[in-house]
């Protein structure tokens, strides 16, 4: 199995996260795909932006859903791209992982944007913590790949949330797999989701990347795609 190297918010260790520059740099550094966070503005533009407010990145504490795209761009020292702009820079044979950060109304806008682009659906993976959003998305687009994000904890050597219950939901909803925090993934975890796609995040250590690769993760997200790629190539030489 060839584990795919996914650049978390692009090459975010070297460039501003969720920008065209960061995504393009990730591909230059050898990433198989990029992951971006997407949410809706007040004027229903699907933009690459992680936070539900502007405090961390733009130094003003405003809710992104109350702002138009033009208002957000006026606050930002860097260019915030729309989804269609990101789709236009994905090289042939590479992938885009779309994390949906918002709820109702986003599904149709997402699918309409994808269908109006030149990108193939098999190049797209959609992930989200928001189960209702993913359920609605599956209903309107049976062919798109969907992974449910879960943040697992270990308590007295038991996973929380329960692995078996999580798998049951994934199968009931006809999703393709799981996206989970890498620090909790072990052989028990891999066995619990056997036959489903497994993505994990966020891994900046080449040693841990190799461990997860050997365990059987299908894709691994990192802030440092260039470093990971160089380390893996050095091991092979």
Protein backbone atom coordinates (compact mmCIF):
# COMPACT_ATOMS: atom_id res chain seq x y z
CA UNK A 1 0.00 0.00 0.00
CA UNK A 2 1.26 3.45 -0.93
CA UNK A 3 0.47 5.86 1.89
CA UNK A 4 -0.44 9.31 0.59
CA UNK A 5 1.37 12.34 1.99
CA UNK A 6 -1.17 15.11 2.64
CA UNK A 7 -0.08 18.68 3.35
CA UNK A 8 -2.13 20.02 6.28
CA UNK A 9 -3.44 23.46 5.23
CA UNK A 10 -0.75 23.26 2.56
CA UNK A 11 2.94 23.53 3.43
CA UNK A 12 1.85 25.42 6.53
CA UNK A 13 5.22 25.18 8.29
CA UNK A 14 6.74 27.29 5.50
CA UNK A 15 3.88 29.46 4.20
CA UNK A 16 0.67 31.06 5.42
CA UNK A 17 -1.88 28.30 5.99
CA UNK A 18 -4.79 27.81 3.58
CA UNK A 19 -3.41 30.07 0.86
CA UNK A 20 -2.69 29.31 -2.78
CA UNK A 21 0.99 29.87 -2.01
CA UNK A 22 0.90 27.24 0.73
CA UNK A 23 -0.95 24.71 -1.42
CA UNK A 24 1.34 25.22 -4.42
CA UNK A 25 4.45 24.96 -2.25
CA UNK A 26 3.19 21.66 -0.85
CA UNK A 27 3.07 20.15 -4.32
CA UNK A 28 6.55 21.49 -5.07
CA UNK A 29 7.72 19.76 -1.87
CA UNK A 30 6.29 16.44 -3.03
CA UNK A 31 2.88 16.16 -1.36
CA UNK A 32 0.37 13.76 -2.91
CA UNK A 33 -2.45 16.05 -1.86
CA UNK A 34 -3.32 19.11 0.18
CA UNK A 35 -5.88 19.56 2.94
CA UNK A 36 -7.73 22.83 3.31
CA UNK A 37 -10.39 24.13 5.68
CA UNK A 38 -13.46 25.65 4.06
CA UNK A 39 -16.36 27.67 5.42
CA UNK A 40 -19.10 29.94 4.12
CA UNK A 41 -19.06 33.72 4.34
CA UNK A 42 -22.21 35.79 4.77
CA UNK A 43 -22.46 36.19 0.99
CA UNK A 44 -22.20 32.39 0.58
CA UNK A 45 -18.65 32.23 -0.73
CA UNK A 46 -16.83 29.01 0.16
CA UNK A 47 -13.40 30.15 1.30
CA UNK A 48 -10.22 28.48 2.53
CA UNK A 49 -10.11 29.59 6.17
CA UNK A 50 -9.83 27.56 9.35
CA UNK A 51 -11.31 29.58 12.19
CA UNK A 52 -14.93 30.51 12.85
CA UNK A 53 -13.72 33.95 13.91
CA UNK A 54 -10.98 36.27 12.72
CA UNK A 55 -9.10 36.81 15.99
CA UNK A 56 -6.14 34.43 15.54
CA UNK A 57 -5.32 35.26 11.94
CA UNK A 58 -6.64 38.78 11.42
CA UNK A 59 -6.31 40.29 14.94
CA UNK A 60 -9.98 41.30 15.13
CA UNK A 61 -12.53 39.17 16.96
CA UNK A 62 -15.31 38.90 14.38
CA UNK A 63 -17.40 35.93 13.30
CA UNK A 64 -16.52 34.86 9.78
CA UNK A 65 -20.12 33.93 8.97
CA UNK A 66 -21.21 37.54 9.60
CA UNK A 67 -18.72 38.93 7.06
CA UNK A 68 -18.77 39.08 3.28
CA UNK A 69 -15.71 37.81 1.43
CA UNK A 70 -14.74 41.36 0.48
CA UNK A 71 -14.84 42.40 4.15
CA UNK A 72 -12.65 39.48 5.21
CA UNK A 73 -10.16 40.23 2.46
CA UNK A 74 -9.93 43.86 3.56
CA UNK A 75 -8.92 42.66 7.04
CA UNK A 76 -6.42 40.11 5.77
CA UNK A 77 -2.74 40.84 4.97
CA UNK A 78 -2.74 37.80 2.67
CA UNK A 79 -5.08 36.61 -0.08
CA UNK A 80 -7.84 34.29 1.14
CA UNK A 81 -8.85 32.02 -1.76
CA UNK A 82 -12.25 30.67 -2.69
CA UNK A 83 -12.65 26.96 -3.27
CA UNK A 84 -12.81 27.33 -7.04
CA UNK A 85 -9.41 29.05 -7.00
CA UNK A 86 -7.91 26.16 -5.03
CA UNK A 87 -9.42 23.62 -7.42
CA UNK A 88 -7.77 25.41 -10.33
CA UNK A 89 -4.25 24.79 -8.97
CA UNK A 90 -4.54 21.07 -8.12
CA UNK A 91 -2.15 19.26 -10.51
CA UNK A 92 -3.34 16.24 -12.44
CA UNK A 93 -2.91 13.11 -10.38
CA UNK A 94 -2.88 15.01 -7.08
CA UNK A 95 -5.67 15.37 -4.54
CA UNK A 96 -7.57 17.86 -2.41
CA UNK A 97 -8.95 17.07 1.03
CA UNK A 98 -11.75 19.48 1.91
CA UNK A 99 -12.54 19.91 5.59
CA UNK A 100 -15.96 21.49 5.98
CA UNK A 101 -16.04 23.82 8.98
CA UNK A 102 -19.65 24.95 8.64
CA UNK A 103 -23.04 23.30 8.53
CA UNK A 104 -26.31 23.61 6.66
CA UNK A 105 -26.35 25.07 3.13
CA UNK A 106 -22.70 24.27 2.42
CA UNK A 107 -23.31 20.90 0.75
CA UNK A 108 -25.01 22.13 -2.43
CA UNK A 109 -22.57 25.02 -2.83
CA UNK A 110 -19.68 22.56 -2.50
CA UNK A 111 -21.04 20.14 -5.09
CA UNK A 112 -22.01 22.91 -7.51
CA UNK A 113 -18.48 24.34 -7.25
CA UNK A 114 -16.90 20.94 -7.88
CA UNK A 115 -19.15 20.23 -10.85
CA UNK A 116 -18.38 23.59 -12.45
CA UNK A 117 -14.64 22.92 -12.21
CA UNK A 118 -12.42 20.65 -14.31
CA UNK A 119 -11.37 18.49 -11.37
CA UNK A 120 -12.35 14.82 -11.20
CA UNK A 121 -14.41 13.71 -8.22
CA UNK A 122 -11.95 10.90 -7.49
CA UNK A 123 -9.37 13.59 -6.66
CA UNK A 124 -11.57 14.95 -3.86
CA UNK A 125 -12.01 13.76 -0.27
CA UNK A 126 -14.40 15.54 2.09
CA UNK A 127 -13.85 15.36 5.85
CA UNK A 128 -15.67 16.97 8.77
CA UNK A 129 -16.46 16.64 12.45
CA UNK A 130 -20.03 17.63 11.53
CA UNK A 131 -21.94 14.38 11.11
CA UNK A 132 -25.23 15.96 9.88
CA UNK A 133 -23.31 17.85 7.19
CA UNK A 134 -21.67 14.65 5.95
CA UNK A 135 -24.99 12.78 5.97
CA UNK A 136 -26.62 15.48 3.84
CA UNK A 137 -23.62 15.52 1.52
CA UNK A 138 -23.79 11.76 1.01
CA UNK A 139 -27.47 12.01 0.07
CA UNK A 140 -26.86 14.57 -2.68
CA UNK A 141 -23.57 13.12 -3.92
CA UNK A 142 -23.19 9.33 -3.56
CA UNK A 143 -19.90 9.21 -5.48
CA UNK A 144 -17.77 11.60 -3.41
CA UNK A 145 -15.32 10.18 -0.86
CA UNK A 146 -16.29 11.06 2.73
CA UNK A 147 -14.29 10.52 5.93
CA UNK A 148 -15.73 11.32 9.36
CA UNK A 149 -13.31 13.17 11.66
CA UNK A 150 -13.12 11.90 15.23
CA UNK A 151 -10.81 13.01 18.03
CA UNK A 152 -10.07 9.90 20.10
CA UNK A 153 -8.87 9.67 23.68
CA UNK A 154 -7.64 6.71 25.68
CA UNK A 155 -9.09 6.13 29.13
CA UNK A 156 -7.99 3.03 31.04
CA UNK A 157 -6.78 1.58 27.73
CA UNK A 158 -10.22 2.04 26.16
CA UNK A 159 -10.91 4.31 23.22
CA UNK A 160 -13.34 7.18 23.67
CA UNK A 161 -15.40 7.48 21.53
CA UNK A 162 -15.85 3.74 21.13
CA UNK A 163 -14.19 2.31 18.02
CA UNK A 164 -16.95 -0.19 17.31
CA UNK A 165 -19.72 2.40 17.66
CA UNK A 166 -17.83 4.82 15.42
CA UNK A 167 -17.43 2.16 12.74
CA UNK A 168 -21.14 1.32 12.97
CA UNK A 169 -22.06 4.95 12.27
CA UNK A 170 -19.64 5.14 9.33
CA UNK A 171 -21.11 2.00 7.78
CA UNK A 172 -24.72 3.06 8.42
CA UNK A 173 -24.08 6.44 6.76
CA UNK A 174 -22.21 4.82 3.86
CA UNK A 175 -19.06 6.86 4.44
CA UNK A 176 -15.70 5.72 3.15
CA UNK A 177 -13.65 5.87 6.33
CA UNK A 178 -12.25 7.71 9.32
CA UNK A 179 -9.97 10.70 9.89
CA UNK A 180 -8.40 10.61 13.34
CA UNK A 181 -5.73 12.12 15.57
CA UNK A 182 -2.45 10.31 14.95
CA UNK A 183 -1.34 10.15 18.58
CA UNK A 184 -4.02 7.55 19.36
CA UNK A 185 -3.58 5.27 16.37
CA UNK A 186 -2.23 1.81 17.13
CA UNK A 187 -2.75 -1.75 15.91
CA UNK A 188 -6.08 -2.03 17.75
CA UNK A 189 -7.31 1.10 16.00
CA UNK A 190 -6.21 -0.12 12.57
CA UNK A 191 -7.91 -3.48 13.10
CA UNK A 192 -11.16 -1.80 14.18
CA UNK A 193 -11.39 0.06 10.87
CA UNK A 194 -10.09 -2.68 8.61
CA UNK A 195 -11.59 -2.38 5.14
CA UNK A 196 -12.26 1.34 5.55
CA UNK A 197 -10.00 4.22 4.58
CA UNK A 198 -7.90 5.64 7.42
CA UNK A 199 -6.49 9.17 7.44
CA UNK A 200 -4.59 10.58 10.39
CA UNK A 201 -3.36 14.02 11.49
CA UNK A 202 -1.09 15.86 12.17
CA UNK A 203 2.35 14.21 11.94
CA UNK A 204 5.55 16.27 11.72
CA UNK A 205 7.97 13.56 12.86
CA UNK A 206 9.42 11.34 10.13
CA UNK A 207 9.76 8.48 12.62
CA UNK A 208 6.08 8.64 13.59
CA UNK A 209 5.12 9.00 9.93
CA UNK A 210 6.96 5.79 9.13
CA UNK A 211 5.31 3.99 12.08
CA UNK A 212 1.84 5.00 10.91
CA UNK A 213 2.69 4.06 7.35
CA UNK A 214 3.75 0.59 8.50
CA UNK A 215 0.61 0.24 10.63
CA UNK A 216 -1.48 0.72 7.50
CA UNK A 217 -2.75 4.32 7.40
CA UNK A 218 -3.86 5.20 3.87
CA UNK A 219 -3.01 8.90 4.17
CA UNK A 220 -1.13 11.00 6.71
CA UNK A 221 -1.41 14.76 7.12
CA UNK A 222 1.61 16.90 7.98
CA UNK A 223 2.53 20.57 8.26
CA UNK A 224 5.99 19.71 6.87
CA UNK A 225 5.59 17.82 3.59
CA UNK A 226 9.05 18.82 2.34
CA UNK A 227 10.78 17.56 5.48
CA UNK A 228 8.80 14.31 5.54
CA UNK A 229 9.41 13.67 1.85
CA UNK A 230 13.14 14.34 2.17
CA UNK A 231 13.40 12.08 5.23
CA UNK A 232 11.60 9.22 3.49
CA UNK A 233 13.78 9.50 0.41
CA UNK A 234 16.91 9.54 2.56
CA UNK A 235 15.82 6.29 4.22
CA UNK A 236 15.35 4.62 0.82
CA UNK A 237 18.75 5.69 -0.53
